Protein backbone atom coordinates (compact mmCIF):
# COMPACT_ATOMS: atom_id res chain seq x y z
CA UNK A 1 82.85 164.26 61.48
CA UNK A 2 85.90 162.06 61.80
CA UNK A 3 85.01 158.37 60.94
CA UNK A 4 81.37 158.95 60.27
CA UNK A 5 81.35 157.93 56.60
CA UNK A 6 83.80 155.13 57.15
CA UNK A 7 81.90 153.53 59.96
CA UNK A 8 78.39 154.23 58.58
CA UNK A 9 76.64 150.83 58.58
CA UNK A 10 79.42 149.34 60.72
CA UNK A 11 78.30 150.66 64.07
CA UNK A 12 77.24 154.30 63.11
CA UNK A 13 73.53 154.40 62.16
CA UNK A 14 70.91 156.89 61.54
CA UNK A 15 67.97 154.60 62.22
CA UNK A 16 67.17 153.02 65.50
CA UNK A 17 63.95 151.51 64.28
CA UNK A 18 66.07 149.76 61.53
CA UNK A 19 69.23 148.78 63.27
CA UNK A 20 68.27 148.32 67.14
CA UNK A 21 68.05 144.50 66.83
CA UNK A 22 71.72 144.40 65.87
CA UNK A 23 72.69 145.98 69.10
CA UNK A 24 71.14 143.54 71.51
CA UNK A 25 72.78 143.43 74.80
CA UNK A 26 75.23 145.96 73.81
CA UNK A 27 76.42 149.59 74.71
CA UNK A 28 75.25 152.18 72.29
CA UNK A 29 75.07 156.03 72.19
CA UNK A 30 72.49 158.39 70.76
CA UNK A 31 73.66 161.74 69.75
CA UNK A 32 71.19 164.57 70.28
CA UNK A 33 68.59 165.97 72.73
CA UNK A 34 65.42 166.52 70.71
CA UNK A 35 62.37 164.50 70.41
CA UNK A 36 63.93 162.37 67.56
CA UNK A 37 66.99 161.52 69.87
CA UNK A 38 64.99 160.71 72.93
CA UNK A 39 62.51 158.58 70.98
CA UNK A 40 65.46 156.68 69.45
CA UNK A 41 67.11 156.15 73.02
CA UNK A 42 63.67 154.87 74.38
CA UNK A 43 63.45 152.27 71.37
CA UNK A 44 67.14 151.34 71.77
CA UNK A 45 66.59 150.63 75.43
CA UNK A 46 64.38 147.66 74.60
CA UNK A 47 67.34 145.92 72.98
CA UNK A 48 70.74 147.44 74.31
CA UNK A 49 72.23 146.76 77.64
CA UNK A 50 73.03 150.30 78.02
CA UNK A 51 71.97 153.50 76.04
CA UNK A 52 73.98 156.90 76.60
CA UNK A 53 72.42 160.03 75.32
CA UNK A 54 75.20 162.36 74.42
CA UNK A 55 74.19 166.03 74.38
CA UNK A 56 75.93 169.20 73.68
CA UNK A 57 73.97 171.14 76.18
CA UNK A 58 72.87 170.79 79.80
CA UNK A 59 69.26 170.08 79.22
CA UNK A 60 67.14 168.34 76.61
CA UNK A 61 65.00 169.95 74.14
CA UNK A 62 62.51 167.02 73.83
CA UNK A 63 58.90 167.04 74.97
CA UNK A 64 58.49 166.76 78.63
CA UNK A 65 56.77 163.26 78.47
CA UNK A 66 59.75 161.78 76.49
CA UNK A 67 62.15 163.34 78.93
CA UNK A 68 60.35 161.86 81.91
CA UNK A 69 60.35 158.42 80.19
CA UNK A 70 64.05 158.67 79.68
CA UNK A 71 64.97 159.78 83.20
CA UNK A 72 62.97 156.92 84.50
CA UNK A 73 64.52 154.26 82.33
CA UNK A 74 67.43 152.70 84.28
CA UNK A 75 69.18 151.56 81.01
CA UNK A 76 69.39 155.19 79.84
CA UNK A 77 72.41 157.53 80.99
CA UNK A 78 72.79 161.13 79.97
CA UNK A 79 76.11 162.73 79.20
CA UNK A 80 75.71 166.52 79.14
CA UNK A 81 77.77 169.24 77.69
CA UNK A 82 79.65 166.75 75.34
CA UNK A 83 80.67 167.38 71.61
CA UNK A 84 81.55 164.43 69.47
CA UNK A 85 84.88 164.81 67.93
CA UNK A 86 84.84 161.44 65.90
CA UNK A 87 84.08 157.80 65.71
CA UNK A 88 86.85 155.51 66.36
CA UNK A 89 87.52 151.87 64.96
CA UNK A 90 89.06 150.09 62.08
CA UNK A 91 86.40 147.72 60.65
CA UNK A 92 83.54 148.61 63.02
CA UNK A 93 82.74 151.28 65.68
CA UNK A 94 84.84 150.62 68.86
CA UNK A 95 84.58 154.11 70.64
CA UNK A 96 83.53 157.78 70.32
CA UNK A 97 85.84 160.63 70.92
CA UNK A 98 84.31 163.32 73.03
CA UNK A 99 85.11 166.89 74.41
CA UNK A 100 83.59 168.31 77.52
CA UNK A 101 82.40 171.83 76.55
CA UNK A 102 82.86 173.06 80.12
CA UNK A 103 86.17 171.53 80.97
CA UNK A 104 87.57 170.94 77.35
CA UNK A 105 88.56 167.46 78.56
CA UNK A 106 88.77 165.00 75.67
CA UNK A 107 88.13 161.27 76.24
CA UNK A 108 87.19 158.19 74.17
CA UNK A 109 84.30 156.10 75.46
CA UNK A 110 83.86 152.57 74.11
CA UNK A 111 80.48 152.05 72.16
CA UNK A 112 79.22 149.22 69.90
CA UNK A 113 76.78 151.56 68.23
CA UNK A 114 76.13 155.09 67.71
CA UNK A 115 72.97 156.56 66.49
CA UNK A 116 72.93 160.05 64.87
CA UNK A 117 69.82 161.83 65.94
CA UNK A 118 70.76 165.43 65.86
CA UNK A 119 68.05 166.70 63.63
CA UNK A 120 67.43 167.00 59.82
CA UNK A 121 66.84 169.99 57.51
CA UNK A 122 63.83 169.08 55.12
CA UNK A 123 64.48 169.93 51.46
CA UNK A 124 61.47 172.07 50.94
CA UNK A 125 63.15 175.09 49.15
CA UNK A 126 61.73 174.32 45.64
CA UNK A 127 58.08 174.49 47.04
CA UNK A 128 58.36 176.87 50.09
CA UNK A 129 56.32 179.52 48.33
CA UNK A 130 53.37 177.29 47.55
CA UNK A 131 52.90 175.48 50.92
CA UNK A 132 52.59 176.10 54.57
CA UNK A 133 55.90 175.23 56.63
CA UNK A 134 55.95 174.51 60.38
CA UNK A 135 58.64 176.09 62.42
CA UNK A 136 61.09 173.25 61.54
CA UNK A 137 60.47 173.73 57.75
CA UNK A 138 58.44 170.68 57.36
CA UNK A 139 55.23 170.94 54.99
CA UNK A 140 51.88 171.08 56.54
CA UNK A 141 49.12 169.19 54.72
CA UNK A 142 45.64 168.00 55.31
CA UNK A 143 44.67 164.26 55.59
CA UNK A 144 44.73 163.83 51.79
CA UNK A 145 48.33 165.24 51.78
CA UNK A 146 47.06 168.36 49.91
CA UNK A 147 48.78 171.73 50.40
CA UNK A 148 47.23 175.13 50.32
CA UNK A 149 47.97 175.24 46.74
CA UNK A 150 45.15 173.60 44.86
CA UNK A 151 46.49 170.42 43.01
CA UNK A 152 49.84 170.41 44.97
CA UNK A 153 50.16 167.14 47.05
CA UNK A 154 53.13 166.37 49.05
CA UNK A 155 54.51 163.03 50.41
CA UNK A 156 57.59 161.55 52.22
CA UNK A 157 60.03 162.92 54.69
CA UNK A 158 59.26 166.66 53.94
CA UNK A 159 55.79 166.21 55.84
CA UNK A 160 55.35 167.54 59.19
CA UNK A 161 54.94 164.28 61.69
CA UNK A 162 56.38 161.69 59.21
CA UNK A 163 58.28 159.16 61.19
CA UNK A 164 61.05 159.18 58.48
CA UNK A 165 60.75 155.62 57.34
CA UNK A 166 60.95 154.69 53.80
CA UNK A 167 57.93 152.38 53.89
CA UNK A 168 55.86 155.29 55.33
CA UNK A 169 57.21 157.64 52.61
CA UNK A 170 56.21 155.20 49.97
CA UNK A 171 52.85 154.69 51.17
CA UNK A 172 52.28 158.33 51.36
CA UNK A 173 53.43 158.62 47.83
CA UNK A 174 50.89 156.22 46.66
CA UNK A 175 48.23 158.03 48.71
CA UNK A 176 49.35 161.47 47.29
CA UNK A 177 49.36 160.16 43.69
CA UNK A 178 45.74 158.69 44.00
CA UNK A 179 44.50 161.90 45.61
CA UNK A 180 46.15 163.89 42.80
CA UNK A 181 44.46 161.65 40.28
CA UNK A 182 41.08 162.12 41.80
CA UNK A 183 41.66 166.02 41.87
CA UNK A 184 42.67 166.07 38.06
CA UNK A 185 39.60 164.05 37.31
CA UNK A 186 37.33 166.35 39.25
CA UNK A 187 38.53 169.35 36.84
CA UNK A 188 37.12 167.55 33.73
């Protein structure tokens, strides 16, 4: 998308948990309409003066409880049927260029921050035949991070339910390694 790479870390972000404090009392946008986007919008509303959820459809896909919270939050506005064409700004994000999908009208709206929350695709192709995957392609494990294949433990952002934070993934990696070590020791 135009301007995304150039402005990443300069107003364009992929992590509200990480970057929300940088946007205290500023107007920001969240791109998406699923659980991740709505959770990010709710978190950002604790810091930003305004949070606009920009969604390409005319309804959200997020869980109803999250939708209810967004609709009740006076800091959060929803912009429906809008496609992001690009991010504008020289040294930092200044605006987002949008096209209304119903009217084809194009406009640029000023924002200090833009949070990309349009979903991810887990990289599970290598192990897909050895694990159970949920509907979104994330690995299903038990509490010990074991999969349906004996001795195969999985950690990190490919796990169903992981909050997609490096610190969480690192901790899971340690847990999986220790559980794997215990498994190998039980074979002796």
